[in-house]
Amino acid sequence: MADTRSVSTKSQTEEEANIKNLIEKGNEDTKNSPTHDKETHGTSNDIKEDTPVEKVKGPGFLERAKEEIEAVVEAVVHPNK
């Protein structure tokens, strides 16, 4: 019995060390990741004051709901597609 306890504590210690290594790698990855310094939302020049609303406006609530229902039905009818 003493042998199984020493093996299980050893594997727990190794597992804890692996977890700590993964956390450190994750922290390093977030430190090295590029950041966006410039705001880009809403700075597009392709929409002017005289652009028609139909070209800017997205789908309405009912149209979007219809699209979602069609997607679900398509997924159920053709699951391997």
Protein backbone atom coordinates (compact mmCIF):
# COMPACT_ATOMS: atom_id res chain seq x y z
CA MET A 1 0.00 0.00 0.00
CA ALA A 2 2.81 2.39 0.74
CA ASP A 3 4.11 1.91 -2.80
CA THR A 4 0.84 2.93 -4.47
CA ARG A 5 0.61 6.06 -2.34
CA SER A 6 4.12 7.16 -3.25
CA VAL A 7 3.41 6.56 -6.94
CA SER A 8 0.16 8.51 -6.83
CA THR A 9 1.75 11.46 -4.99
CA LYS A 10 4.62 11.45 -7.47
CA SER A 11 2.24 11.53 -10.42
CA GLN A 12 0.24 14.31 -8.72
CA THR A 13 3.44 16.32 -8.27
CA GLU A 14 4.36 15.78 -11.92
CA GLU A 15 0.85 16.76 -12.96
CA GLU A 16 1.03 19.93 -10.87
CA ALA A 17 4.38 20.78 -12.47
CA ASN A 18 2.90 20.23 -15.93
CA ILE A 19 -0.04 22.49 -15.07
CA LYS A 20 2.32 25.23 -13.85
CA ASN A 21 4.34 24.94 -17.06
CA LEU A 22 1.21 25.28 -19.17
CA ILE A 23 0.12 28.34 -17.22
CA GLU A 24 3.55 29.94 -17.67
CA LYS A 25 3.49 29.22 -21.41
CA GLY A 26 0.03 30.77 -21.66
CA ASN A 27 1.21 33.88 -19.83
CA GLU A 28 4.22 34.19 -22.13
CA ASP A 29 2.02 33.79 -25.19
CA THR A 30 -0.30 36.59 -24.09
CA LYS A 31 2.65 38.87 -23.36
CA ASN A 32 4.15 38.26 -26.81
CA SER A 33 0.91 38.60 -28.76
CA PRO A 34 0.46 41.67 -30.96
CA THR A 35 -1.94 44.35 -29.81
CA HIS A 36 -4.03 46.78 -31.79
CA ASP A 37 -2.96 50.31 -31.04
CA LYS A 38 -5.13 52.02 -33.61
CA GLU A 39 -8.92 52.15 -33.54
CA THR A 40 -10.33 50.89 -36.83
CA HIS A 41 -14.04 50.58 -36.06
CA GLY A 42 -16.04 53.19 -37.94
CA THR A 43 -13.11 54.69 -39.83
CA SER A 44 -14.09 53.29 -43.24
CA ASN A 45 -14.30 55.81 -46.09
CA ASP A 46 -16.61 53.77 -48.32
CA ILE A 47 -19.79 55.06 -46.62
CA LYS A 48 -20.59 58.70 -47.26
CA GLU A 49 -23.41 60.90 -46.04
CA ASP A 50 -25.34 60.40 -49.28
CA THR A 51 -25.03 56.56 -49.29
CA PRO A 52 -28.50 54.99 -49.48
CA VAL A 53 -29.69 53.31 -46.28
CA GLU A 54 -30.40 50.06 -48.16
CA LYS A 55 -26.67 49.66 -48.85
CA VAL A 56 -25.74 50.13 -45.19
CA LYS A 57 -28.62 48.48 -43.36
CA GLY A 58 -28.28 44.84 -42.30
CA PRO A 59 -31.05 42.22 -42.33
CA GLY A 60 -34.04 42.79 -40.10
CA PHE A 61 -34.91 40.65 -37.10
CA LEU A 62 -37.43 38.45 -38.91
CA GLU A 63 -35.17 38.00 -41.94
CA ARG A 64 -32.27 36.96 -39.70
CA ALA A 65 -34.51 34.58 -37.72
CA LYS A 66 -35.67 33.02 -41.01
CA GLU A 67 -32.04 32.50 -42.08
CA GLU A 68 -31.21 30.83 -38.78
CA ILE A 69 -34.23 28.50 -38.98
CA GLU A 70 -33.30 27.57 -42.55
CA ALA A 71 -29.75 26.78 -41.41
CA VAL A 72 -31.02 24.52 -38.61
CA VAL A 73 -33.41 22.71 -40.98
CA GLU A 74 -30.61 22.29 -43.50
CA ALA A 75 -28.35 20.83 -40.80
CA VAL A 76 -31.05 18.35 -39.72
CA VAL A 77 -32.03 17.31 -43.23
CA HIS A 78 -28.46 17.03 -44.57
CA PRO A 79 -26.24 16.27 -41.53
CA ASN A 80 -23.27 14.95 -43.56
CA LYS A 81 -23.19 17.77 -46.08
